[in-house]
Amino acid sequence: MAVGRLLVIAPDHDLRRSLAFVLEAEGYEVDAVGALLRPISGYDAVVVDQKAIAGADGRTSNLVTSAPVVLLAARLHPDMAGAVAEVVELPAIGNAVSLAVRRAMQVPA
């Protein structure tokens, strides 16, 4: 049985595949897409690369979900910090994404 259901949004194909692989190995059911889907529902958490949702000013443009969001960001716009549950600074090292997902879902490691 899956630990939880995740949506991964990342425009880069290799990043998307890597994230899905790592999170599936952790026991999550993962749907991975290259662009934002609307509406986002039915997920326990959303892992999103900032490039998939950032406008020209660096702020999140149109991410609407009731699930906690784990944002992958190389440079976080200050206004984005309050809109997400966890931020993973890129490049992500080790199990940083998996741990951020667990914290966002409030699941003990």
N, C-alpha and C. Protein backbone atom coordinates (compact mmCIF):
# COMPACT_ATOMS: atom_id res chain seq x y z
N MET A 1 0.84 -1.18 0.00
CA MET A 1 0.00 0.00 0.00
C MET A 1 0.89 1.25 0.00
N ALA A 2 0.50 2.23 -0.78
CA ALA A 2 1.29 3.45 -0.92
C ALA A 2 1.26 4.27 0.36
N VAL A 3 2.37 4.94 0.63
CA VAL A 3 2.50 5.84 1.78
C VAL A 3 1.63 7.08 1.59
N GLY A 4 1.46 7.50 0.35
CA GLY A 4 0.67 8.67 0.01
C GLY A 4 0.69 8.87 -1.48
N ARG A 5 -0.18 9.73 -1.96
CA ARG A 5 -0.27 10.01 -3.38
C ARG A 5 0.29 11.41 -3.65
N LEU A 6 1.28 11.48 -4.55
CA LEU A 6 1.97 12.73 -4.83
C LEU A 6 1.82 13.12 -6.29
N LEU A 7 1.80 14.42 -6.53
CA LEU A 7 1.89 14.97 -7.87
C LEU A 7 3.23 15.68 -7.96
N VAL A 8 4.02 15.33 -8.96
CA VAL A 8 5.29 15.99 -9.24
C VAL A 8 5.11 16.82 -10.50
N ILE A 9 5.44 18.11 -10.41
CA ILE A 9 5.34 19.01 -11.57
C ILE A 9 6.73 19.57 -11.83
N ALA A 10 7.32 19.20 -12.96
CA ALA A 10 8.65 19.68 -13.32
C ALA A 10 8.77 19.69 -14.84
N PRO A 11 9.12 20.83 -15.43
CA PRO A 11 9.23 20.88 -16.89
C PRO A 11 10.39 20.05 -17.45
N ASP A 12 11.44 19.87 -16.68
CA ASP A 12 12.60 19.10 -17.14
C ASP A 12 12.31 17.59 -17.02
N HIS A 13 12.33 16.91 -18.14
CA HIS A 13 11.99 15.49 -18.18
C HIS A 13 12.87 14.65 -17.24
N ASP A 14 14.18 14.87 -17.26
CA ASP A 14 15.08 14.07 -16.43
C ASP A 14 14.84 14.31 -14.94
N LEU A 15 14.63 15.56 -14.56
CA LEU A 15 14.33 15.87 -13.16
C LEU A 15 13.03 15.20 -12.74
N ARG A 16 12.02 15.30 -13.59
CA ARG A 16 10.71 14.70 -13.30
C ARG A 16 10.84 13.19 -13.10
N ARG A 17 11.57 12.53 -13.98
CA ARG A 17 11.76 11.07 -13.87
C ARG A 17 12.54 10.71 -12.61
N SER A 18 13.57 11.49 -12.30
CA SER A 18 14.38 11.22 -11.10
C SER A 18 13.56 11.37 -9.84
N LEU A 19 12.77 12.45 -9.77
CA LEU A 19 11.92 12.66 -8.59
C LEU A 19 10.91 11.53 -8.44
N ALA A 20 10.27 11.16 -9.54
CA ALA A 20 9.28 10.08 -9.49
C ALA A 20 9.94 8.78 -9.03
N PHE A 21 11.11 8.47 -9.55
CA PHE A 21 11.82 7.25 -9.17
C PHE A 21 12.13 7.22 -7.68
N VAL A 22 12.70 8.30 -7.17
CA VAL A 22 13.08 8.37 -5.76
C VAL A 22 11.86 8.27 -4.86
N LEU A 23 10.82 8.99 -5.20
CA LEU A 23 9.63 9.00 -4.34
C LEU A 23 8.86 7.69 -4.42
N GLU A 24 8.83 7.06 -5.58
CA GLU A 24 8.21 5.73 -5.69
C GLU A 24 8.98 4.71 -4.86
N ALA A 25 10.32 4.83 -4.86
CA ALA A 25 11.14 3.93 -4.05
C ALA A 25 10.85 4.10 -2.56
N GLU A 26 10.39 5.29 -2.17
CA GLU A 26 10.03 5.56 -0.77
C GLU A 26 8.62 5.06 -0.45
N GLY A 27 7.91 4.57 -1.46
CA GLY A 27 6.60 3.99 -1.23
C GLY A 27 5.42 4.86 -1.62
N TYR A 28 5.69 6.00 -2.27
CA TYR A 28 4.60 6.89 -2.69
C TYR A 28 4.06 6.46 -4.05
N GLU A 29 2.79 6.73 -4.27
CA GLU A 29 2.20 6.64 -5.60
C GLU A 29 2.41 8.01 -6.24
N VAL A 30 3.06 8.04 -7.40
CA VAL A 30 3.48 9.32 -7.99
C VAL A 30 2.90 9.49 -9.39
N ASP A 31 2.29 10.64 -9.62
CA ASP A 31 1.94 11.10 -10.96
C ASP A 31 2.91 12.24 -11.26
N ALA A 32 3.57 12.18 -12.42
CA ALA A 32 4.55 13.21 -12.77
C ALA A 32 4.15 13.86 -14.09
N VAL A 33 4.12 15.18 -14.09
CA VAL A 33 3.73 15.94 -15.28
C VAL A 33 4.72 17.07 -15.51
N GLY A 34 4.74 17.56 -16.75
CA GLY A 34 5.67 18.62 -17.11
C GLY A 34 5.13 20.02 -16.91
N ALA A 35 3.81 20.13 -16.78
CA ALA A 35 3.20 21.45 -16.63
C ALA A 35 2.08 21.37 -15.60
N LEU A 36 1.70 22.51 -15.11
CA LEU A 36 0.67 22.62 -14.09
C LEU A 36 -0.68 22.14 -14.62
N LEU A 37 -1.32 21.29 -13.84
CA LEU A 37 -2.67 20.84 -14.16
C LEU A 37 -3.66 21.59 -13.31
N ARG A 38 -4.81 21.87 -13.84
CA ARG A 38 -5.85 22.52 -13.04
C ARG A 38 -7.10 21.72 -13.12
N PRO A 39 -7.84 21.53 -12.11
CA PRO A 39 -7.45 21.79 -10.72
C PRO A 39 -6.60 20.65 -10.18
N ILE A 40 -5.86 20.94 -9.14
CA ILE A 40 -5.05 19.92 -8.48
C ILE A 40 -5.86 19.42 -7.30
N SER A 41 -6.26 18.17 -7.35
CA SER A 41 -7.00 17.60 -6.22
C SER A 41 -6.70 16.10 -6.15
N GLY A 42 -6.95 15.54 -4.98
CA GLY A 42 -6.76 14.12 -4.80
C GLY A 42 -5.34 13.70 -4.46
N TYR A 43 -4.49 14.65 -4.12
CA TYR A 43 -3.10 14.33 -3.77
C TYR A 43 -2.84 14.67 -2.31
N ASP A 44 -1.94 13.90 -1.70
CA ASP A 44 -1.54 14.16 -0.33
C ASP A 44 -0.51 15.28 -0.25
N ALA A 45 0.24 15.49 -1.34
CA ALA A 45 1.22 16.57 -1.43
C ALA A 45 1.55 16.79 -2.89
N VAL A 46 2.07 17.98 -3.18
CA VAL A 46 2.50 18.34 -4.52
C VAL A 46 3.95 18.77 -4.44
N VAL A 47 4.81 18.16 -5.27
CA VAL A 47 6.21 18.54 -5.37
C VAL A 47 6.34 19.29 -6.68
N VAL A 48 6.77 20.54 -6.62
CA VAL A 48 6.80 21.35 -7.83
C VAL A 48 8.13 22.08 -7.98
N ASP A 49 8.68 22.01 -9.19
CA ASP A 49 9.87 22.78 -9.54
C ASP A 49 9.43 24.21 -9.78
N GLN A 50 10.11 25.16 -9.19
CA GLN A 50 9.75 26.57 -9.31
C GLN A 50 9.60 27.00 -10.77
N LYS A 51 10.37 26.40 -11.66
CA LYS A 51 10.31 26.76 -13.08
C LYS A 51 8.94 26.46 -13.68
N ALA A 52 8.21 25.54 -13.09
CA ALA A 52 6.90 25.16 -13.63
C ALA A 52 5.82 26.16 -13.27
N ILE A 53 6.06 26.99 -12.26
CA ILE A 53 4.99 27.87 -11.78
C ILE A 53 5.39 29.32 -11.62
N ALA A 54 6.66 29.64 -11.83
CA ALA A 54 7.12 31.02 -11.58
C ALA A 54 6.83 31.92 -12.76
N GLY A 55 6.32 33.09 -12.45
CA GLY A 55 6.14 34.11 -13.46
C GLY A 55 7.45 34.84 -13.70
N ALA A 56 7.42 35.85 -14.53
CA ALA A 56 8.63 36.61 -14.84
C ALA A 56 9.22 37.28 -13.61
N ASP A 57 8.37 37.58 -12.61
CA ASP A 57 8.86 38.24 -11.40
C ASP A 57 9.37 37.26 -10.36
N GLY A 58 9.29 35.93 -10.64
CA GLY A 58 9.78 34.92 -9.71
C GLY A 58 8.75 34.44 -8.71
N ARG A 59 7.57 35.01 -8.73
CA ARG A 59 6.51 34.59 -7.80
C ARG A 59 5.72 33.44 -8.40
N THR A 60 5.08 32.66 -7.53
CA THR A 60 4.21 31.60 -8.05
C THR A 60 3.06 32.23 -8.79
N SER A 61 2.75 31.71 -9.95
CA SER A 61 1.74 32.34 -10.77
C SER A 61 0.35 31.76 -10.58
N ASN A 62 0.20 30.46 -10.58
CA ASN A 62 -1.15 29.90 -10.60
C ASN A 62 -1.24 28.53 -9.94
N LEU A 63 -0.55 28.32 -8.88
CA LEU A 63 -0.60 27.05 -8.19
C LEU A 63 -1.72 27.10 -7.16
N VAL A 64 -2.77 26.34 -7.41
CA VAL A 64 -3.92 26.30 -6.51
C VAL A 64 -4.16 24.86 -6.12
N THR A 65 -3.98 24.57 -4.84
CA THR A 65 -4.19 23.23 -4.33
C THR A 65 -4.44 23.29 -2.83
N SER A 66 -5.20 22.33 -2.33
CA SER A 66 -5.38 22.24 -0.88
C SER A 66 -4.32 21.34 -0.25
N ALA A 67 -3.55 20.63 -1.09
CA ALA A 67 -2.49 19.76 -0.59
C ALA A 67 -1.26 20.58 -0.24
N PRO A 68 -0.47 20.12 0.72
CA PRO A 68 0.78 20.83 1.02
C PRO A 68 1.72 20.80 -0.19
N VAL A 69 2.45 21.89 -0.37
CA VAL A 69 3.34 22.03 -1.52
C VAL A 69 4.79 22.01 -1.06
N VAL A 70 5.59 21.17 -1.73
CA VAL A 70 7.04 21.15 -1.54
C VAL A 70 7.62 21.80 -2.79
N LEU A 71 8.25 22.94 -2.60
CA LEU A 71 8.78 23.72 -3.72
C LEU A 71 10.27 23.45 -3.88
N LEU A 72 10.68 23.15 -5.11
CA LEU A 72 12.09 23.01 -5.45
C LEU A 72 12.53 24.32 -6.07
N ALA A 73 13.45 25.02 -5.42
CA ALA A 73 13.81 26.36 -5.87
C ALA A 73 15.30 26.61 -5.73
N ALA A 74 15.89 27.18 -6.78
CA ALA A 74 17.28 27.60 -6.71
C ALA A 74 17.39 28.95 -6.01
N ARG A 75 16.41 29.81 -6.26
CA ARG A 75 16.36 31.11 -5.62
C ARG A 75 14.90 31.41 -5.30
N LEU A 76 14.58 31.44 -4.04
CA LEU A 76 13.21 31.60 -3.58
C LEU A 76 12.83 33.08 -3.53
N HIS A 77 11.74 33.42 -4.21
CA HIS A 77 11.21 34.78 -4.11
C HIS A 77 10.61 34.92 -2.71
N PRO A 78 10.87 35.99 -1.98
CA PRO A 78 10.40 36.13 -0.59
C PRO A 78 8.89 35.94 -0.42
N ASP A 79 8.10 36.35 -1.41
CA ASP A 79 6.65 36.21 -1.30
C ASP A 79 6.18 34.77 -1.42
N MET A 80 7.04 33.88 -1.90
CA MET A 80 6.65 32.49 -2.10
C MET A 80 6.74 31.67 -0.82
N ALA A 81 7.56 32.07 0.11
CA ALA A 81 7.81 31.27 1.31
C ALA A 81 6.54 30.94 2.08
N GLY A 82 5.61 31.88 2.19
CA GLY A 82 4.40 31.62 2.93
C GLY A 82 3.38 30.77 2.20
N ALA A 83 3.57 30.57 0.90
CA ALA A 83 2.60 29.84 0.09
C ALA A 83 2.90 28.35 0.02
N VAL A 84 4.02 27.93 0.59
CA VAL A 84 4.41 26.52 0.48
C VAL A 84 4.69 25.95 1.86
N ALA A 85 4.55 24.61 1.96
CA ALA A 85 4.80 23.93 3.23
C ALA A 85 6.30 23.74 3.48
N GLU A 86 7.03 23.41 2.43
CA GLU A 86 8.46 23.15 2.54
C GLU A 86 9.17 23.68 1.29
N VAL A 87 10.42 24.07 1.45
CA VAL A 87 11.24 24.49 0.32
C VAL A 87 12.49 23.62 0.32
N VAL A 88 12.82 23.07 -0.84
CA VAL A 88 14.07 22.33 -1.02
C VAL A 88 14.92 23.14 -1.97
N GLU A 89 16.08 23.56 -1.47
CA GLU A 89 16.99 24.35 -2.30
C GLU A 89 17.68 23.45 -3.31
N LEU A 90 17.69 23.90 -4.55
CA LEU A 90 18.36 23.16 -5.61
C LEU A 90 19.80 23.60 -5.72
N PRO A 91 20.71 22.72 -6.01
CA PRO A 91 20.47 21.31 -6.27
C PRO A 91 20.18 20.54 -4.97
N ALA A 92 19.19 19.67 -5.03
CA ALA A 92 18.82 18.86 -3.87
C ALA A 92 19.87 17.78 -3.65
N ILE A 93 20.20 17.56 -2.40
CA ILE A 93 21.23 16.59 -2.05
C ILE A 93 20.62 15.49 -1.20
N GLY A 94 21.02 14.24 -1.47
CA GLY A 94 20.57 13.11 -0.67
C GLY A 94 19.05 12.94 -0.71
N ASN A 95 18.47 12.76 0.46
CA ASN A 95 17.03 12.51 0.54
C ASN A 95 16.25 13.76 0.94
N ALA A 96 16.74 14.93 0.55
CA ALA A 96 16.12 16.19 0.93
C ALA A 96 14.67 16.29 0.48
N VAL A 97 14.37 15.84 -0.73
CA VAL A 97 13.00 15.93 -1.25
C VAL A 97 12.08 15.01 -0.46
N SER A 98 12.51 13.78 -0.25
CA SER A 98 11.70 12.82 0.49
C SER A 98 11.42 13.31 1.92
N LEU A 99 12.43 13.83 2.57
CA LEU A 99 12.24 14.36 3.93
C LEU A 99 11.29 15.55 3.94
N ALA A 100 11.40 16.41 2.94
CA ALA A 100 10.51 17.58 2.84
C ALA A 100 9.06 17.14 2.62
N VAL A 101 8.87 16.11 1.81
CA VAL A 101 7.52 15.58 1.59
C VAL A 101 6.95 15.04 2.89
N ARG A 102 7.75 14.28 3.62
CA ARG A 102 7.28 13.74 4.91
C ARG A 102 6.91 14.86 5.89
N ARG A 103 7.74 15.89 5.95
CA ARG A 103 7.44 17.02 6.84
C ARG A 103 6.16 17.74 6.39
N ALA A 104 6.02 17.93 5.09
CA ALA A 104 4.84 18.62 4.57
C ALA A 104 3.57 17.82 4.86
N MET A 105 3.66 16.52 4.79
CA MET A 105 2.51 15.66 5.06
C MET A 105 2.40 15.35 6.55
N GLN A 106 3.40 15.80 7.31
CA GLN A 106 3.48 15.55 8.76
C GLN A 106 3.51 14.07 9.06
N VAL A 107 4.34 13.35 8.31
CA VAL A 107 4.55 11.92 8.49
C VAL A 107 5.91 11.73 9.16
N PRO A 108 6.01 10.99 10.27
CA PRO A 108 7.31 10.78 10.90
C PRO A 108 8.29 10.08 9.95
N ALA A 109 9.55 10.49 10.03
CA ALA A 109 10.58 9.89 9.16
C ALA A 109 10.92 8.50 9.62
